[in-house]
Amino acid sequence: MKHIIALFLISFLGFRIFVFSLGSDPSRALEEAAIERYYTCIEIQQGDSLWSIADKYCNNSGMTVAEYVRELKNMNGLKEDIIHSGHYLTVMYSDLDQNP
């Protein structure tokens, strides 16, 4: 009987830690998981910044602009926010967006 109670407590605590790690709104995490994400490359234009690109492409992504900028940097292996016109950048968009 002690083993069953211990297993229950461990399972319950593991579930609570998992929900806590999703953030304060577990329904948002489920919503984000349901979003189909696609990737494409764009050519960086004069005057573009990671923030302006994130503002354009983060719609329907379930992310804030700041979260999207972090994701852009991760996807493209960038350590800084500096990008250059003429270079290419991989961006993510959702299935709810019209043609990017």
N, C-alpha and C. Protein backbone atom coordinates (compact mmCIF):
# COMPACT_ATOMS: atom_id res chain seq x y z
N MET A 1 0.82 -1.19 0.00
CA MET A 1 0.00 0.00 0.00
C MET A 1 0.87 1.26 0.00
N LYS A 2 1.99 1.23 0.75
CA LYS A 2 2.87 2.39 0.80
C LYS A 2 3.44 2.70 -0.59
N HIS A 3 3.71 1.67 -1.38
CA HIS A 3 4.25 1.85 -2.73
C HIS A 3 3.24 2.55 -3.62
N ILE A 4 1.98 2.21 -3.49
CA ILE A 4 0.92 2.82 -4.30
C ILE A 4 0.77 4.29 -3.94
N ILE A 5 0.79 4.60 -2.66
CA ILE A 5 0.68 6.00 -2.23
C ILE A 5 1.89 6.79 -2.70
N ALA A 6 3.08 6.22 -2.56
CA ALA A 6 4.29 6.90 -3.01
C ALA A 6 4.26 7.13 -4.52
N LEU A 7 3.81 6.14 -5.28
CA LEU A 7 3.70 6.28 -6.73
C LEU A 7 2.70 7.37 -7.10
N PHE A 8 1.58 7.41 -6.39
CA PHE A 8 0.57 8.44 -6.63
C PHE A 8 1.15 9.82 -6.36
N LEU A 9 1.82 9.99 -5.24
CA LEU A 9 2.40 11.29 -4.90
C LEU A 9 3.45 11.72 -5.91
N ILE A 10 4.30 10.81 -6.32
CA ILE A 10 5.32 11.14 -7.32
C ILE A 10 4.68 11.54 -8.64
N SER A 11 3.64 10.80 -9.04
CA SER A 11 2.94 11.13 -10.29
C SER A 11 2.27 12.49 -10.18
N PHE A 12 1.63 12.75 -9.06
CA PHE A 12 0.95 14.03 -8.87
C PHE A 12 1.94 15.18 -8.89
N LEU A 13 3.05 15.05 -8.17
CA LEU A 13 4.07 16.09 -8.17
C LEU A 13 4.67 16.29 -9.56
N GLY A 14 4.91 15.21 -10.27
CA GLY A 14 5.44 15.33 -11.63
C GLY A 14 4.48 16.08 -12.53
N PHE A 15 3.20 15.79 -12.40
CA PHE A 15 2.20 16.49 -13.21
C PHE A 15 2.18 17.96 -12.86
N ARG A 16 2.22 18.31 -11.56
CA ARG A 16 2.21 19.71 -11.13
C ARG A 16 3.44 20.45 -11.66
N ILE A 17 4.59 19.81 -11.62
CA ILE A 17 5.81 20.43 -12.14
C ILE A 17 5.68 20.65 -13.64
N PHE A 18 5.13 19.68 -14.36
CA PHE A 18 4.93 19.81 -15.80
C PHE A 18 4.00 20.98 -16.11
N VAL A 19 2.88 21.08 -15.42
CA VAL A 19 1.93 22.17 -15.65
C VAL A 19 2.58 23.50 -15.31
N PHE A 20 3.32 23.56 -14.21
CA PHE A 20 4.00 24.79 -13.82
C PHE A 20 5.01 25.20 -14.87
N SER A 21 5.70 24.23 -15.48
CA SER A 21 6.72 24.55 -16.48
C SER A 21 6.09 25.10 -17.76
N LEU A 22 4.81 24.84 -17.98
CA LEU A 22 4.13 25.39 -19.15
C LEU A 22 3.83 26.87 -18.99
N GLY A 23 3.95 27.37 -17.80
CA GLY A 23 3.66 28.76 -17.53
C GLY A 23 2.37 28.88 -16.74
N SER A 24 1.93 30.10 -16.59
CA SER A 24 0.76 30.32 -15.76
C SER A 24 -0.54 29.97 -16.47
N ASP A 25 -0.50 29.76 -17.77
CA ASP A 25 -1.72 29.47 -18.51
C ASP A 25 -1.56 28.20 -19.34
N PRO A 26 -1.88 27.03 -18.76
CA PRO A 26 -1.72 25.77 -19.49
C PRO A 26 -2.57 25.70 -20.76
N SER A 27 -3.69 26.41 -20.79
CA SER A 27 -4.53 26.39 -21.99
C SER A 27 -3.81 27.05 -23.16
N ARG A 28 -2.98 28.05 -22.87
CA ARG A 28 -2.20 28.71 -23.93
C ARG A 28 -1.21 27.72 -24.55
N ALA A 29 -0.59 26.89 -23.72
CA ALA A 29 0.37 25.90 -24.21
C ALA A 29 -0.33 24.91 -25.13
N LEU A 30 -1.54 24.48 -24.76
CA LEU A 30 -2.29 23.57 -25.62
C LEU A 30 -2.68 24.24 -26.93
N GLU A 31 -3.05 25.52 -26.84
CA GLU A 31 -3.41 26.29 -28.03
C GLU A 31 -2.21 26.39 -28.98
N GLU A 32 -1.03 26.69 -28.43
CA GLU A 32 0.18 26.80 -29.23
C GLU A 32 0.53 25.47 -29.89
N ALA A 33 0.31 24.38 -29.19
CA ALA A 33 0.64 23.07 -29.73
C ALA A 33 -0.23 22.73 -30.93
N ALA A 34 -1.43 23.30 -31.01
CA ALA A 34 -2.36 23.01 -32.10
C ALA A 34 -2.08 23.85 -33.34
N ILE A 35 -1.22 24.83 -33.25
CA ILE A 35 -0.93 25.71 -34.39
C ILE A 35 0.06 25.01 -35.32
N GLU A 36 -0.32 24.88 -36.57
CA GLU A 36 0.59 24.32 -37.57
C GLU A 36 1.60 25.39 -37.95
N ARG A 37 2.87 25.06 -37.87
CA ARG A 37 3.91 26.04 -38.19
C ARG A 37 4.65 25.60 -39.45
N TYR A 38 4.95 26.58 -40.29
CA TYR A 38 5.67 26.36 -41.53
C TYR A 38 6.88 27.29 -41.55
N TYR A 39 7.85 26.96 -42.37
CA TYR A 39 9.09 27.72 -42.42
C TYR A 39 9.40 28.08 -43.86
N THR A 40 9.96 29.27 -44.04
CA THR A 40 10.40 29.71 -45.34
C THR A 40 11.60 30.64 -45.15
N CYS A 41 12.31 30.90 -46.22
CA CYS A 41 13.43 31.84 -46.18
C CYS A 41 13.01 33.14 -46.84
N ILE A 42 13.41 34.24 -46.25
CA ILE A 42 13.15 35.54 -46.84
C ILE A 42 14.48 36.26 -47.00
N GLU A 43 14.53 37.14 -47.98
CA GLU A 43 15.71 37.99 -48.14
C GLU A 43 15.52 39.23 -47.29
N ILE A 44 16.52 39.54 -46.49
CA ILE A 44 16.45 40.72 -45.63
C ILE A 44 16.58 41.96 -46.49
N GLN A 45 15.66 42.88 -46.32
CA GLN A 45 15.63 44.13 -47.08
C GLN A 45 16.26 45.26 -46.26
N GLN A 46 16.69 46.30 -46.96
CA GLN A 46 17.24 47.49 -46.30
C GLN A 46 16.20 48.02 -45.31
N GLY A 47 16.62 48.27 -44.08
CA GLY A 47 15.72 48.80 -43.05
C GLY A 47 15.05 47.73 -42.21
N ASP A 48 15.17 46.46 -42.60
CA ASP A 48 14.59 45.38 -41.80
C ASP A 48 15.37 45.20 -40.51
N SER A 49 14.68 44.79 -39.48
CA SER A 49 15.31 44.38 -38.21
C SER A 49 14.62 43.11 -37.77
N LEU A 50 15.24 42.40 -36.83
CA LEU A 50 14.59 41.20 -36.31
C LEU A 50 13.22 41.55 -35.72
N TRP A 51 13.14 42.73 -35.11
CA TRP A 51 11.88 43.14 -34.48
C TRP A 51 10.80 43.44 -35.51
N SER A 52 11.17 44.08 -36.62
CA SER A 52 10.17 44.38 -37.64
C SER A 52 9.72 43.10 -38.36
N ILE A 53 10.65 42.19 -38.56
CA ILE A 53 10.31 40.91 -39.19
C ILE A 53 9.43 40.09 -38.25
N ALA A 54 9.79 40.08 -36.96
CA ALA A 54 8.98 39.35 -35.96
C ALA A 54 7.58 39.93 -35.89
N ASP A 55 7.47 41.25 -35.94
CA ASP A 55 6.16 41.90 -35.90
C ASP A 55 5.30 41.47 -37.08
N LYS A 56 5.94 41.28 -38.23
CA LYS A 56 5.20 40.88 -39.44
C LYS A 56 4.78 39.41 -39.40
N TYR A 57 5.64 38.54 -38.89
CA TYR A 57 5.40 37.10 -38.99
C TYR A 57 4.86 36.45 -37.71
N CYS A 58 4.82 37.15 -36.58
CA CYS A 58 4.40 36.50 -35.35
C CYS A 58 2.89 36.37 -35.23
N ASN A 59 2.13 37.00 -36.13
CA ASN A 59 0.68 36.88 -36.09
C ASN A 59 0.28 35.41 -36.13
N ASN A 60 -0.66 35.04 -35.28
CA ASN A 60 -1.20 33.68 -35.21
C ASN A 60 -0.16 32.64 -34.81
N SER A 61 1.00 33.06 -34.31
CA SER A 61 2.03 32.10 -33.91
C SER A 61 1.86 31.67 -32.46
N GLY A 62 1.07 32.41 -31.71
CA GLY A 62 0.93 32.13 -30.29
C GLY A 62 2.08 32.71 -29.48
N MET A 63 2.93 33.52 -30.12
CA MET A 63 4.08 34.12 -29.44
C MET A 63 3.95 35.64 -29.45
N THR A 64 4.58 36.25 -28.47
CA THR A 64 4.72 37.70 -28.49
C THR A 64 5.85 38.04 -29.47
N VAL A 65 5.99 39.32 -29.79
CA VAL A 65 7.07 39.73 -30.69
C VAL A 65 8.43 39.39 -30.08
N ALA A 66 8.58 39.61 -28.78
CA ALA A 66 9.85 39.31 -28.11
C ALA A 66 10.16 37.81 -28.16
N GLU A 67 9.15 36.97 -27.93
CA GLU A 67 9.35 35.53 -28.01
C GLU A 67 9.71 35.12 -29.43
N TYR A 68 9.06 35.74 -30.42
CA TYR A 68 9.34 35.41 -31.81
C TYR A 68 10.77 35.82 -32.18
N VAL A 69 11.23 36.98 -31.69
CA VAL A 69 12.62 37.41 -31.95
C VAL A 69 13.59 36.37 -31.39
N ARG A 70 13.34 35.89 -30.17
CA ARG A 70 14.21 34.84 -29.61
C ARG A 70 14.18 33.60 -30.47
N GLU A 71 13.00 33.23 -30.98
CA GLU A 71 12.89 32.05 -31.84
C GLU A 71 13.62 32.27 -33.16
N LEU A 72 13.51 33.47 -33.74
CA LEU A 72 14.26 33.79 -34.97
C LEU A 72 15.76 33.61 -34.75
N LYS A 73 16.25 34.14 -33.63
CA LYS A 73 17.67 34.04 -33.33
C LYS A 73 18.08 32.58 -33.17
N ASN A 74 17.27 31.79 -32.49
CA ASN A 74 17.57 30.37 -32.32
C ASN A 74 17.57 29.63 -33.65
N MET A 75 16.54 29.86 -34.47
CA MET A 75 16.42 29.16 -35.76
C MET A 75 17.57 29.47 -36.69
N ASN A 76 18.05 30.71 -36.62
CA ASN A 76 19.07 31.16 -37.56
C ASN A 76 20.47 31.21 -36.97
N GLY A 77 20.63 30.73 -35.76
CA GLY A 77 21.94 30.68 -35.13
C GLY A 77 22.54 32.05 -34.88
N LEU A 78 21.69 33.03 -34.59
CA LEU A 78 22.18 34.39 -34.35
C LEU A 78 22.42 34.61 -32.86
N LYS A 79 23.53 35.25 -32.55
CA LYS A 79 23.83 35.56 -31.16
C LYS A 79 23.42 37.00 -30.83
N GLU A 80 23.33 37.83 -31.85
CA GLU A 80 22.97 39.24 -31.67
C GLU A 80 21.75 39.57 -32.51
N ASP A 81 21.22 40.77 -32.34
CA ASP A 81 20.06 41.22 -33.09
C ASP A 81 20.42 41.81 -34.45
N ILE A 82 21.69 41.80 -34.81
CA ILE A 82 22.16 42.46 -36.04
C ILE A 82 21.93 41.54 -37.26
N ILE A 83 21.25 42.09 -38.27
CA ILE A 83 21.07 41.40 -39.55
C ILE A 83 21.44 42.36 -40.66
N HIS A 84 21.71 41.82 -41.85
CA HIS A 84 22.19 42.64 -42.96
C HIS A 84 21.33 42.42 -44.20
N SER A 85 21.01 43.51 -44.89
CA SER A 85 20.23 43.39 -46.11
C SER A 85 20.99 42.55 -47.13
N GLY A 86 20.24 41.79 -47.90
CA GLY A 86 20.83 40.90 -48.89
C GLY A 86 21.06 39.49 -48.36
N HIS A 87 21.11 39.33 -47.05
CA HIS A 87 21.24 38.00 -46.46
C HIS A 87 19.86 37.37 -46.36
N TYR A 88 19.82 36.09 -46.05
CA TYR A 88 18.55 35.37 -45.94
C TYR A 88 18.32 34.94 -44.50
N LEU A 89 17.05 34.86 -44.15
CA LEU A 89 16.64 34.52 -42.81
C LEU A 89 15.50 33.52 -42.89
N THR A 90 15.58 32.47 -42.09
CA THR A 90 14.48 31.52 -42.00
C THR A 90 13.45 32.09 -41.04
N VAL A 91 12.19 32.12 -41.47
CA VAL A 91 11.11 32.61 -40.63
C VAL A 91 10.04 31.54 -40.51
N MET A 92 9.27 31.65 -39.46
CA MET A 92 8.19 30.71 -39.21
C MET A 92 6.87 31.46 -39.37
N TYR A 93 5.88 30.78 -39.94
CA TYR A 93 4.54 31.36 -40.02
C TYR A 93 3.54 30.25 -39.77
N SER A 94 2.32 30.62 -39.46
CA SER A 94 1.31 29.61 -39.13
C SER A 94 0.40 29.33 -40.31
N ASP A 95 -0.34 28.26 -40.19
CA ASP A 95 -1.30 27.90 -41.24
C ASP A 95 -2.46 28.86 -41.28
N LEU A 96 -2.63 29.70 -40.24
CA LEU A 96 -3.72 30.66 -40.23
C LEU A 96 -3.37 31.93 -41.00
N ASP A 97 -2.08 32.14 -41.25
CA ASP A 97 -1.66 33.31 -42.01
C ASP A 97 -1.93 33.11 -43.49
N GLN A 98 -2.16 34.21 -44.15
CA GLN A 98 -2.22 34.14 -45.60
C GLN A 98 -0.81 33.95 -46.11
N ASN A 99 -0.64 33.80 -47.40
CA ASN A 99 0.68 33.59 -47.99
C ASN A 99 1.67 34.63 -47.46
N PRO A 100 2.76 34.20 -46.81
CA PRO A 100 3.70 35.15 -46.23
C PRO A 100 4.37 35.91 -47.30
